[in-house]
């Protein structure tokens, strides 16, 4: 089976490596993009924080590679891919819609980090953590004209642990995805694969997220705020609040129960344990790791900044 991989993230590169290990798969080309690129929902451009250099890897394996500068409609790109005569496209860690003309050339299968049809759309793992879900997964599905709506080739489920960060959850989802490829791709060639239509009654389409969506709402309860922080910590841009008109990013925090009966949301106070805490809609959080304008602060620096307490952070 002649396969063209389309991807630009570290996970996509791991998928490429997995495809090279499957004897029934012949990777005949790679399509990738630059780390910063233009996209319809963010015309000013997007930076891929999970970027991987596909070009160097593909060239080291003597695999033809094409790198987008703007979009999948660039002159000559389709014609080059057509010359590779693919039987199948595998899309992993990609941020552009696959044009219909490409999908008519060969079926396109994508890996989406949710249990489709639920959590279609953007940032599914972040949304699942923010919403307090207890499980998620990864789905291999055939792309169609909709948003993550085509028939399913296979799925793997994964528990969301109470202490997960986006990094720890993403690492396990990646592993489930690689297992899914090793189990499913050979079935394309031996004829045993059976696709399953999605039940659209269970579909929830989540919106794309940008760095500005990491702003913390201190009127939320502490459980929700702490989960919000874990869902967007490194390597993502992070949850943040504002202090003196500048961004304070919070990378790690824990839930505390303030002794005072009323703590205003966003109010900084010092606990009896000398911890820097911030009031939420209910309870509070204590800061463990933070940065001011992306300059990391240690615990002493955090305490020095807020040692008098009483400051109200931006909602």
C-alpha atoms as a PDB file:
ATOM      1  CA  UNK A   1       0.000   0.000   0.000  1.00  0.00           C
ATOM      2  CA  UNK A   2       1.519   3.299  -1.130  1.00  0.00           C
ATOM      3  CA  UNK A   3       0.948   5.821   1.655  1.00  0.00           C
ATOM      4  CA  UNK A   4       1.517   9.574   1.842  1.00  0.00           C
ATOM      5  CA  UNK A   5       1.778  10.995   5.346  1.00  0.00           C
ATOM      6  CA  UNK A   6       0.509  14.523   5.996  1.00  0.00           C
ATOM      7  CA  UNK A   7       1.670  16.038   9.288  1.00  0.00           C
ATOM      8  CA  UNK A   8       3.712  18.697  11.049  1.00  0.00           C
ATOM      9  CA  UNK A   9       3.788  17.727  14.759  1.00  0.00           C
ATOM     10  CA  UNK A  10       5.965  15.463  16.889  1.00  0.00           C
ATOM     11  CA  UNK A  11       3.127  12.948  17.007  1.00  0.00           C
ATOM     12  CA  UNK A  12       2.854  13.018  13.221  1.00  0.00           C
ATOM     13  CA  UNK A  13       6.565  12.259  12.993  1.00  0.00           C
ATOM     14  CA  UNK A  14       6.128   9.290  15.339  1.00  0.00           C
ATOM     15  CA  UNK A  15       3.297   8.084  13.078  1.00  0.00           C
ATOM     16  CA  UNK A  16       5.650   8.319  10.103  1.00  0.00           C
ATOM     17  CA  UNK A  17       8.212   6.220  11.972  1.00  0.00           C
ATOM     18  CA  UNK A  18       5.479   3.680  12.816  1.00  0.00           C
ATOM     19  CA  UNK A  19       4.406   3.432   9.165  1.00  0.00           C
ATOM     20  CA  UNK A  20       7.997   2.663   8.173  1.00  0.00           C
ATOM     21  CA  UNK A  21       7.904  -0.327  10.554  1.00  0.00           C
ATOM     22  CA  UNK A  22       4.830  -1.915   8.917  1.00  0.00           C
ATOM     23  CA  UNK A  23       5.883  -4.279   6.140  1.00  0.00           C
ATOM     24  CA  UNK A  24       2.674  -3.869   4.134  1.00  0.00           C
ATOM     25  CA  UNK A  25       3.047  -0.071   3.986  1.00  0.00           C
ATOM     26  CA  UNK A  26       5.270   1.788   1.520  1.00  0.00           C
ATOM     27  CA  UNK A  27       5.642   5.484   2.430  1.00  0.00           C
ATOM     28  CA  UNK A  28       6.028   7.203  -0.953  1.00  0.00           C
ATOM     29  CA  UNK A  29       5.901  10.837   0.195  1.00  0.00           C
ATOM     30  CA  UNK A  30       5.403  13.350   2.993  1.00  0.00           C
ATOM     31  CA  UNK A  31       3.523  16.659   3.045  1.00  0.00           C
ATOM     32  CA  UNK A  32       4.362  19.012   5.917  1.00  0.00           C
ATOM     33  CA  UNK A  33       4.312  22.719   6.815  1.00  0.00           C
ATOM     34  CA  UNK A  34       6.408  25.373   8.518  1.00  0.00           C
ATOM     35  CA  UNK A  35       6.213  25.936  12.273  1.00  0.00           C
ATOM     36  CA  UNK A  36       4.315  29.218  11.799  1.00  0.00           C
ATOM     37  CA  UNK A  37       1.554  29.196   9.210  1.00  0.00           C
ATOM     38  CA  UNK A  38      -1.644  30.931   8.123  1.00  0.00           C
ATOM     39  CA  UNK A  39      -5.021  29.294   8.649  1.00  0.00           C
ATOM     40  CA  UNK A  40      -8.656  30.308   8.084  1.00  0.00           C
ATOM     41  CA  UNK A  41      -9.688  30.644  11.740  1.00  0.00           C
ATOM     42  CA  UNK A  42      -6.605  32.759  12.632  1.00  0.00           C
ATOM     43  CA  UNK A  43      -5.585  34.974   9.674  1.00  0.00           C
ATOM     44  CA  UNK A  44      -2.701  36.563  11.614  1.00  0.00           C
ATOM     45  CA  UNK A  45      -1.007  33.180  11.772  1.00  0.00           C
ATOM     46  CA  UNK A  46      -0.551  30.229  14.119  1.00  0.00           C
ATOM     47  CA  UNK A  47       2.594  28.859  15.755  1.00  0.00           C
ATOM     48  CA  UNK A  48       2.653  25.073  16.071  1.00  0.00           C
ATOM     49  CA  UNK A  49       3.967  24.473  19.614  1.00  0.00           C
ATOM     50  CA  UNK A  50       4.230  20.727  18.867  1.00  0.00           C
ATOM     51  CA  UNK A  51       6.190  21.237  15.644  1.00  0.00           C
ATOM     52  CA  UNK A  52       8.597  18.593  14.293  1.00  0.00           C
ATOM     53  CA  UNK A  53      11.050  18.827  11.405  1.00  0.00           C
ATOM     54  CA  UNK A  54       9.659  16.329   8.906  1.00  0.00           C
ATOM     55  CA  UNK A  55      11.862  17.565   6.091  1.00  0.00           C
ATOM     56  CA  UNK A  56      15.183  16.460   7.560  1.00  0.00           C
ATOM     57  CA  UNK A  57      13.796  13.096   8.706  1.00  0.00           C
ATOM     58  CA  UNK A  58      12.142  12.315   5.373  1.00  0.00           C
ATOM     59  CA  UNK A  59      15.262  13.240   3.441  1.00  0.00           C
ATOM     60  CA  UNK A  60      17.358  10.988   5.701  1.00  0.00           C
ATOM     61  CA  UNK A  61      15.057   8.103   4.698  1.00  0.00           C
ATOM     62  CA  UNK A  62      15.084   9.174   1.023  1.00  0.00           C
ATOM     63  CA  UNK A  63      11.347   9.903   1.104  1.00  0.00           C
ATOM     64  CA  UNK A  64      10.131  12.779  -1.119  1.00  0.00           C
ATOM     65  CA  UNK A  65       8.807  15.689   0.958  1.00  0.00           C
ATOM     66  CA  UNK A  66       6.794  18.811   0.116  1.00  0.00           C
ATOM     67  CA  UNK A  67       6.532  21.727   2.583  1.00  0.00           C
ATOM     68  CA  UNK A  68       3.594  24.141   2.458  1.00  0.00           C
ATOM     69  CA  UNK A  69       4.261  27.844   2.658  1.00  0.00           C
ATOM     70  CA  UNK A  70       0.589  28.883   2.833  1.00  0.00           C
ATOM     71  CA  UNK A  71      -2.093  26.324   1.971  1.00  0.00           C
ATOM     72  CA  UNK A  72      -2.859  22.967   0.367  1.00  0.00           C
ATOM     73  CA  UNK A  73      -4.042  24.829  -2.754  1.00  0.00           C
ATOM     74  CA  UNK A  74      -0.531  26.026  -3.658  1.00  0.00           C
ATOM     75  CA  UNK A  75       0.363  25.705  -7.353  1.00  0.00           C
ATOM     76  CA  UNK A  76       2.095  22.455  -8.207  1.00  0.00           C
ATOM     77  CA  UNK A  77       1.536  20.758  -4.842  1.00  0.00           C
ATOM     78  CA  UNK A  78      -1.334  18.526  -5.921  1.00  0.00           C
ATOM     79  CA  UNK A  79       0.429  17.567  -9.137  1.00  0.00           C
ATOM     80  CA  UNK A  80       3.539  16.508  -7.214  1.00  0.00           C
ATOM     81  CA  UNK A  81       1.505  14.422  -4.768  1.00  0.00           C
ATOM     82  CA  UNK A  82      -0.467  12.892  -7.658  1.00  0.00           C
ATOM     83  CA  UNK A  83       2.812  11.747  -9.222  1.00  0.00           C
ATOM     84  CA  UNK A  84       3.481   9.668  -6.094  1.00  0.00           C
ATOM     85  CA  UNK A  85       0.346   7.607  -6.962  1.00  0.00           C
ATOM     86  CA  UNK A  86      -0.834   7.162  -3.354  1.00  0.00           C
ATOM     87  CA  UNK A  87      -3.312   4.498  -2.299  1.00  0.00           C
ATOM     88  CA  UNK A  88      -3.996   6.252   1.004  1.00  0.00           C
ATOM     89  CA  UNK A  89      -3.283   9.493   2.874  1.00  0.00           C
ATOM     90  CA  UNK A  90      -2.591   9.345   6.609  1.00  0.00           C
ATOM     91  CA  UNK A  91      -3.134  12.683   8.368  1.00  0.00           C
ATOM     92  CA  UNK A  92      -1.653  13.173  11.858  1.00  0.00           C
ATOM     93  CA  UNK A  93      -0.852  16.403  13.692  1.00  0.00           C
ATOM     94  CA  UNK A  94      -2.213  18.571  10.879  1.00  0.00           C
ATOM     95  CA  UNK A  95      -4.121  21.862  10.977  1.00  0.00           C
ATOM     96  CA  UNK A  96      -5.557  22.260   7.470  1.00  0.00           C
ATOM     97  CA  UNK A  97      -8.642  20.765   5.836  1.00  0.00           C
ATOM     98  CA  UNK A  98      -7.787  18.099   3.242  1.00  0.00           C
ATOM     99  CA  UNK A  99      -9.201  19.287  -0.126  1.00  0.00           C
ATOM    100  CA  UNK A 100     -11.834  17.132  -1.777  1.00  0.00           C
ATOM    101  CA  UNK A 101      -9.641  16.728  -4.863  1.00  0.00           C
ATOM    102  CA  UNK A 102      -7.010  15.049  -2.689  1.00  0.00           C
ATOM    103  CA  UNK A 103      -9.594  12.754  -1.108  1.00  0.00           C
ATOM    104  CA  UNK A 104     -10.787  11.771  -4.579  1.00  0.00           C
ATOM    105  CA  UNK A 105      -7.219  10.894  -5.540  1.00  0.00           C
ATOM    106  CA  UNK A 106      -6.933   8.518  -2.544  1.00  0.00           C
ATOM    107  CA  UNK A 107      -8.887   8.004   0.701  1.00  0.00           C
ATOM    108  CA  UNK A 108      -7.614  10.202   3.543  1.00  0.00           C
ATOM    109  CA  UNK A 109      -7.597   8.854   7.080  1.00  0.00           C
ATOM    110  CA  UNK A 110      -7.005  11.077  10.080  1.00  0.00           C
ATOM    111  CA  UNK A 111      -6.130  10.511  13.720  1.00  0.00           C
ATOM    112  CA  UNK A 112      -8.285  12.597  16.050  1.00  0.00           C
ATOM    113  CA  UNK A 113      -7.643  12.725  19.805  1.00  0.00           C
ATOM    114  CA  UNK A 114     -11.135  11.896  21.019  1.00  0.00           C
ATOM    115  CA  UNK A 115     -13.696   9.121  20.934  1.00  0.00           C
ATOM    116  CA  UNK A 116     -15.571  10.326  17.873  1.00  0.00           C
ATOM    117  CA  UNK A 117     -18.250  11.436  17.310  1.00  0.00           C
ATOM    118  CA  UNK A 118     -17.798  13.205  20.666  1.00  0.00           C
ATOM    119  CA  UNK A 119     -15.311  16.092  20.864  1.00  0.00           C
ATOM    120  CA  UNK A 120     -15.043  16.691  17.146  1.00  0.00           C
ATOM    121  CA  UNK A 121     -13.309  19.901  16.186  1.00  0.00           C
ATOM    122  CA  UNK A 122     -10.468  21.773  17.843  1.00  0.00           C
ATOM    123  CA  UNK A 123      -8.247  20.977  20.842  1.00  0.00           C
ATOM    124  CA  UNK A 124     -10.217  17.883  21.933  1.00  0.00           C
ATOM    125  CA  UNK A 125      -7.891  16.856  24.784  1.00  0.00           C
ATOM    126  CA  UNK A 126      -7.783  20.361  26.250  1.00  0.00           C
ATOM    127  CA  UNK A 127     -11.564  20.627  26.116  1.00  0.00           C
ATOM    128  CA  UNK A 128     -12.026  17.164  27.635  1.00  0.00           C
ATOM    129  CA  UNK A 129      -9.801  18.090  30.593  1.00  0.00           C
ATOM    130  CA  UNK A 130     -11.408  21.506  31.090  1.00  0.00           C
ATOM    131  CA  UNK A 131     -14.854  19.889  31.081  1.00  0.00           C
ATOM    132  CA  UNK A 132     -13.852  17.321  33.691  1.00  0.00           C
ATOM    133  CA  UNK A 133     -14.300  14.235  31.521  1.00  0.00           C
ATOM    134  CA  UNK A 134     -13.155  10.907  33.004  1.00  0.00           C
ATOM    135  CA  UNK A 135     -12.119   9.324  29.697  1.00  0.00           C
ATOM    136  CA  UNK A 136     -11.050  10.193  26.189  1.00  0.00           C
ATOM    137  CA  UNK A 137      -9.264   8.371  23.408  1.00  0.00           C
ATOM    138  CA  UNK A 138      -8.071   8.495  19.820  1.00  0.00           C
ATOM    139  CA  UNK A 139      -9.902   7.630  16.607  1.00  0.00           C
ATOM    140  CA  UNK A 140      -8.695   6.685  13.130  1.00  0.00           C
ATOM    141  CA  UNK A 141     -11.399   7.748  10.687  1.00  0.00           C
ATOM    142  CA  UNK A 142     -11.917   8.370   6.990  1.00  0.00           C
ATOM    143  CA  UNK A 143     -12.140  12.066   6.198  1.00  0.00           C
ATOM    144  CA  UNK A 144     -15.137  13.478   4.365  1.00  0.00           C
ATOM    145  CA  UNK A 145     -16.569  16.966   3.750  1.00  0.00           C
ATOM    146  CA  UNK A 146     -17.506  17.444   7.414  1.00  0.00           C
ATOM    147  CA  UNK A 147     -15.540  18.145  10.583  1.00  0.00           C
ATOM    148  CA  UNK A 148     -14.160  14.816  11.853  1.00  0.00           C
ATOM    149  CA  UNK A 149     -17.401  13.204  10.691  1.00  0.00           C
ATOM    150  CA  UNK A 150     -16.373  10.311   8.433  1.00  0.00           C
ATOM    151  CA  UNK A 151     -16.643   6.569   9.143  1.00  0.00           C
ATOM    152  CA  UNK A 152     -14.434   5.057  11.842  1.00  0.00           C
ATOM    153  CA  UNK A 153     -11.646   2.558  11.140  1.00  0.00           C
ATOM    154  CA  UNK A 154     -10.642   2.065  14.782  1.00  0.00           C
ATOM    155  CA  UNK A 155     -10.546   3.586  18.257  1.00  0.00           C
ATOM    156  CA  UNK A 156      -8.555   3.340  21.479  1.00  0.00           C
ATOM    157  CA  UNK A 157      -9.840   4.552  24.854  1.00  0.00           C
ATOM    158  CA  UNK A 158      -7.788   6.226  27.605  1.00  0.00           C
ATOM    159  CA  UNK A 159      -8.666   7.252  31.180  1.00  0.00           C
ATOM    160  CA  UNK A 160      -8.131  10.883  32.201  1.00  0.00           C
ATOM    161  CA  UNK A 161      -6.416  10.729  35.582  1.00  0.00           C
ATOM    162  CA  UNK A 162      -7.137  13.254  38.366  1.00  0.00           C
ATOM    163  CA  UNK A 163      -3.541  14.509  38.279  1.00  0.00           C
ATOM    164  CA  UNK A 164      -3.078  14.548  34.496  1.00  0.00           C
ATOM    165  CA  UNK A 165      -1.570  17.538  32.752  1.00  0.00           C
ATOM    166  CA  UNK A 166      -2.088  18.054  29.047  1.00  0.00           C
ATOM    167  CA  UNK A 167       1.461  16.731  28.533  1.00  0.00           C
ATOM    168  CA  UNK A 168       0.961  13.479  30.470  1.00  0.00           C
ATOM    169  CA  UNK A 169      -2.406  12.790  28.838  1.00  0.00           C
ATOM    170  CA  UNK A 170      -1.132  13.635  25.369  1.00  0.00           C
ATOM    171  CA  UNK A 171       1.807  11.231  25.830  1.00  0.00           C
ATOM    172  CA  UNK A 172      -0.539   8.309  26.561  1.00  0.00           C
ATOM    173  CA  UNK A 173      -2.874   9.261  23.705  1.00  0.00           C
ATOM    174  CA  UNK A 174       0.097   9.273  21.341  1.00  0.00           C
ATOM    175  CA  UNK A 175       0.975   5.757  22.443  1.00  0.00           C
ATOM    176  CA  UNK A 176      -2.610   4.561  21.915  1.00  0.00           C
ATOM    177  CA  UNK A 177      -2.519   6.154  18.451  1.00  0.00           C
ATOM    178  CA  UNK A 178       0.653   4.303  17.463  1.00  0.00           C
ATOM    179  CA  UNK A 179      -0.885   1.039  18.675  1.00  0.00           C
ATOM    180  CA  UNK A 180      -3.960   1.807  16.593  1.00  0.00           C
ATOM    181  CA  UNK A 181      -1.859   2.288  13.449  1.00  0.00           C
ATOM    182  CA  UNK A 182       0.033  -0.970  13.960  1.00  0.00           C
ATOM    183  CA  UNK A 183      -3.262  -2.827  14.431  1.00  0.00           C
ATOM    184  CA  UNK A 184      -5.290  -1.134  11.686  1.00  0.00           C
ATOM    185  CA  UNK A 185      -3.058  -0.273   8.714  1.00  0.00           C
ATOM    186  CA  UNK A 186      -2.283  -3.934   7.841  1.00  0.00           C
ATOM    187  CA  UNK A 187      -6.034  -4.527   7.608  1.00  0.00           C
ATOM    188  CA  UNK A 188      -6.236  -2.047   4.731  1.00  0.00           C
ATOM    189  CA  UNK A 189      -4.107  -4.383   2.648  1.00  0.00           C
ATOM    190  CA  UNK A 190      -5.518  -7.775   3.674  1.00  0.00           C
ATOM    191  CA  UNK A 191      -9.132  -6.695   3.131  1.00  0.00           C
ATOM    192  CA  UNK A 192     -10.301  -7.335   6.693  1.00  0.00           C
ATOM    193  CA  UNK A 193     -11.013  -3.686   7.625  1.00  0.00           C
ATOM    194  CA  UNK A 194     -14.665  -2.751   8.133  1.00  0.00           C
ATOM    195  CA  UNK A 195     -15.575   0.911   8.590  1.00  0.00           C
ATOM    196  CA  UNK A 196     -18.247   1.970  11.088  1.00  0.00           C
ATOM    197  CA  UNK A 197     -20.476   4.994  10.489  1.00  0.00           C
ATOM    198  CA  UNK A 198     -20.518   7.624  13.227  1.00  0.00           C
ATOM    199  CA  UNK A 199     -23.702   8.194  15.214  1.00  0.00           C
ATOM    200  CA  UNK A 200     -24.104  11.933  14.708  1.00  0.00           C
ATOM    201  CA  UNK A 201     -26.664  12.150  17.528  1.00  0.00           C
ATOM    202  CA  UNK A 202     -23.684  11.963  19.930  1.00  0.00           C
ATOM    203  CA  UNK A 203     -21.568  14.588  18.154  1.00  0.00           C
ATOM    204  CA  UNK A 204     -20.211  17.615  19.988  1.00  0.00           C
ATOM    205  CA  UNK A 205     -18.063  19.960  17.864  1.00  0.00           C
ATOM    206  CA  UNK A 206     -15.584  21.936  19.968  1.00  0.00           C
ATOM    207  CA  UNK A 207     -14.251  25.340  18.862  1.00  0.00           C
ATOM    208  CA  UNK A 208     -10.609  25.988  18.101  1.00  0.00           C
ATOM    209  CA  UNK A 209      -8.559  27.581  20.875  1.00  0.00           C
ATOM    210  CA  UNK A 210      -5.991  30.379  20.818  1.00  0.00           C
ATOM    211  CA  UNK A 211      -3.528  31.530  23.528  1.00  0.00           C
ATOM    212  CA  UNK A 212      -6.030  34.197  24.640  1.00  0.00           C
ATOM    213  CA  UNK A 213      -8.489  31.445  25.594  1.00  0.00           C
ATOM    214  CA  UNK A 214      -6.167  30.595  28.490  1.00  0.00           C
ATOM    215  CA  UNK A 215      -7.427  33.548  30.575  1.00  0.00           C
ATOM    216  CA  UNK A 216      -8.509  32.298  34.021  1.00  0.00           C
ATOM    217  CA  UNK A 217     -12.011  33.111  35.275  1.00  0.00           C
ATOM    218  CA  UNK A 218     -11.555  33.445  39.041  1.00  0.00           C
ATOM    219  CA  UNK A 219     -15.309  33.274  39.624  1.00  0.00           C
ATOM    220  CA  UNK A 220     -15.095  29.555  38.793  1.00  0.00           C
ATOM    221  CA  UNK A 221     -14.617  27.177  41.728  1.00  0.00           C
ATOM    222  CA  UNK A 222     -11.080  26.087  42.613  1.00  0.00           C
ATOM    223  CA  UNK A 223     -11.572  22.577  41.221  1.00  0.00           C
ATOM    224  CA  UNK A 224     -12.411  24.020  37.795  1.00  0.00           C
ATOM    225  CA  UNK A 225      -9.589  26.571  37.900  1.00  0.00           C
ATOM    226  CA  UNK A 226      -6.961  23.989  38.880  1.00  0.00           C
ATOM    227  CA  UNK A 227      -8.172  21.683  36.107  1.00  0.00           C
ATOM    228  CA  UNK A 228      -8.106  24.605  33.638  1.00  0.00           C
ATOM    229  CA  UNK A 229      -4.443  25.189  34.543  1.00  0.00           C
ATOM    230  CA  UNK A 230      -3.474  21.524  34.078  1.00  0.00           C
ATOM    231  CA  UNK A 231      -5.264  21.402  30.721  1.00  0.00           C
ATOM    232  CA  UNK A 232      -3.136  24.198  29.244  1.00  0.00           C
ATOM    233  CA  UNK A 233       0.222  23.907  30.944  1.00  0.00           C
ATOM    234  CA  UNK A 234       3.465  23.322  29.045  1.00  0.00           C
ATOM    235  CA  UNK A 235       4.081  22.639  26.215  1.00  0.00           C
ATOM    236  CA  UNK A 236       0.935  24.679  25.485  1.00  0.00           C
ATOM    237  CA  UNK A 237       0.832  28.482  25.964  1.00  0.00           C
ATOM    238  CA  UNK A 238      -0.610  28.183  29.476  1.00  0.00           C
ATOM    239  CA  UNK A 239      -3.428  29.518  31.652  1.00  0.00           C
ATOM    240  CA  UNK A 240      -2.925  33.127  32.701  1.00  0.00           C
ATOM    241  CA  UNK A 241      -4.256  36.058  34.639  1.00  0.00           C
ATOM    242  CA  UNK A 242      -3.260  39.734  34.575  1.00  0.00           C
ATOM    243  CA  UNK A 243      -1.359  41.758  37.136  1.00  0.00           C
ATOM    244  CA  UNK A 244      -0.515  45.420  36.564  1.00  0.00           C
ATOM    245  CA  UNK A 245      -1.587  44.971  32.960  1.00  0.00           C
ATOM    246  CA  UNK A 246       0.909  42.149  32.351  1.00  0.00           C
ATOM    247  CA  UNK A 247       0.363  38.415  32.017  1.00  0.00           C
ATOM    248  CA  UNK A 248       1.048  36.105  34.938  1.00  0.00           C
ATOM    249  CA  UNK A 249       1.088  32.534  33.596  1.00  0.00           C
ATOM    250  CA  UNK A 250       0.256  29.812  36.102  1.00  0.00           C
ATOM    251  CA  UNK A 251       1.754  26.449  35.171  1.00  0.00           C
ATOM    252  CA  UNK A 252       0.965  24.470  38.306  1.00  0.00           C
ATOM    253  CA  UNK A 253      -1.260  24.995  41.345  1.00  0.00           C
ATOM    254  CA  UNK A 254      -3.066  23.069  44.067  1.00  0.00           C
ATOM    255  CA  UNK A 255      -6.459  23.459  45.700  1.00  0.00           C
ATOM    256  CA  UNK A 256      -6.587  24.872  49.225  1.00  0.00           C
ATOM    257  CA  UNK A 257      -9.398  25.688  51.629  1.00  0.00           C
ATOM    258  CA  UNK A 258      -8.890  29.236  52.977  1.00  0.00           C
ATOM    259  CA  UNK A 259      -9.564  29.731  56.664  1.00  0.00           C
ATOM    260  CA  UNK A 260     -11.405  32.971  55.942  1.00  0.00           C
ATOM    261  CA  UNK A 261     -15.077  32.434  55.222  1.00  0.00           C
ATOM    262  CA  UNK A 262     -15.100  34.876  52.302  1.00  0.00           C
ATOM    263  CA  UNK A 263     -12.235  35.329  49.826  1.00  0.00           C
ATOM    264  CA  UNK A 264     -13.040  37.461  46.800  1.00  0.00           C
ATOM    265  CA  UNK A 265     -12.398  35.766  43.440  1.00  0.00           C
ATOM    266  CA  UNK A 266      -8.971  36.794  42.163  1.00  0.00           C
ATOM    267  CA  UNK A 267      -7.798  38.130  45.545  1.00  0.00           C
ATOM    268  CA  UNK A 268      -4.239  37.170  46.508  1.00  0.00           C
ATOM    269  CA  UNK A 269      -3.625  36.185  50.120  1.00  0.00           C
ATOM    270  CA  UNK A 270      -0.881  34.469  52.110  1.00  0.00           C
ATOM    271  CA  UNK A 271      -1.911  31.273  53.884  1.00  0.00           C
ATOM    272  CA  UNK A 272      -0.857  30.175  57.355  1.00  0.00           C
ATOM    273  CA  UNK A 273       1.652  27.907  55.602  1.00  0.00           C
ATOM    274  CA  UNK A 274       3.150  30.982  53.899  1.00  0.00           C
ATOM    275  CA  UNK A 275       1.795  29.917  50.522  1.00  0.00           C
ATOM    276  CA  UNK A 276       0.701  32.443  47.912  1.00  0.00           C
ATOM    277  CA  UNK A 277      -2.983  31.717  47.312  1.00  0.00           C
ATOM    278  CA  UNK A 278      -5.673  33.152  45.057  1.00  0.00           C
ATOM    279  CA  UNK A 279      -9.364  33.131  45.852  1.00  0.00           C
ATOM    280  CA  UNK A 280     -11.779  31.437  43.471  1.00  0.00           C
ATOM    281  CA  UNK A 281     -15.566  31.332  43.302  1.00  0.00           C
ATOM    282  CA  UNK A 282     -15.291  28.624  45.959  1.00  0.00           C
ATOM    283  CA  UNK A 283     -12.113  27.693  47.835  1.00  0.00           C
ATOM    284  CA  UNK A 284      -8.748  28.855  46.458  1.00  0.00           C
ATOM    285  CA  UNK A 285      -5.589  27.713  44.732  1.00  0.00           C
ATOM    286  CA  UNK A 286      -1.969  27.957  45.897  1.00  0.00           C
ATOM    287  CA  UNK A 287       0.661  28.808  43.292  1.00  0.00           C
ATOM    288  CA  UNK A 288       3.310  26.138  42.657  1.00  0.00           C
ATOM    289  CA  UNK A 289       4.822  27.265  39.336  1.00  0.00           C
ATOM    290  CA  UNK A 290       4.281  30.546  37.528  1.00  0.00           C
ATOM    291  CA  UNK A 291       5.986  32.985  35.186  1.00  0.00           C
ATOM    292  CA  UNK A 292       5.668  36.705  34.649  1.00  0.00           C
ATOM    293  CA  UNK A 293       5.789  37.595  30.961  1.00  0.00           C
ATOM    294  CA  UNK A 294       7.170  34.066  30.412  1.00  0.00           C
ATOM    295  CA  UNK A 295      10.088  34.579  32.825  1.00  0.00           C
ATOM    296  CA  UNK A 296       9.889  31.629  35.232  1.00  0.00           C
ATOM    297  CA  UNK A 297       9.567  32.410  38.939  1.00  0.00           C
ATOM    298  CA  UNK A 298      10.739  30.174  41.766  1.00  0.00           C
ATOM    299  CA  UNK A 299       8.745  29.867  45.005  1.00  0.00           C
ATOM    300  CA  UNK A 300      10.701  32.625  46.742  1.00  0.00           C
ATOM    301  CA  UNK A 301      10.152  35.008  43.847  1.00  0.00           C
ATOM    302  CA  UNK A 302       6.426  34.232  43.806  1.00  0.00           C
ATOM    303  CA  UNK A 303       6.231  34.865  47.552  1.00  0.00           C
ATOM    304  CA  UNK A 304       8.239  38.114  47.271  1.00  0.00           C
ATOM    305  CA  UNK A 305       5.898  39.435  44.569  1.00  0.00           C
ATOM    306  CA  UNK A 306       2.814  38.837  46.693  1.00  0.00           C
ATOM    307  CA  UNK A 307       4.139  38.866  50.267  1.00  0.00           C
ATOM    308  CA  UNK A 308       1.688  41.535  51.372  1.00  0.00           C
ATOM    309  CA  UNK A 309      -1.261  39.851  49.673  1.00  0.00           C
ATOM    310  CA  UNK A 310      -4.402  41.854  49.039  1.00  0.00           C
ATOM    311  CA  UNK A 311      -3.905  42.306  45.289  1.00  0.00           C
ATOM    312  CA  UNK A 312      -6.873  41.568  43.028  1.00  0.00           C
ATOM    313  CA  UNK A 313      -5.830  39.790  39.843  1.00  0.00           C
ATOM    314  CA  UNK A 314      -7.572  40.292  36.524  1.00  0.00           C
ATOM    315  CA  UNK A 315     -10.556  38.044  35.800  1.00  0.00           C
END
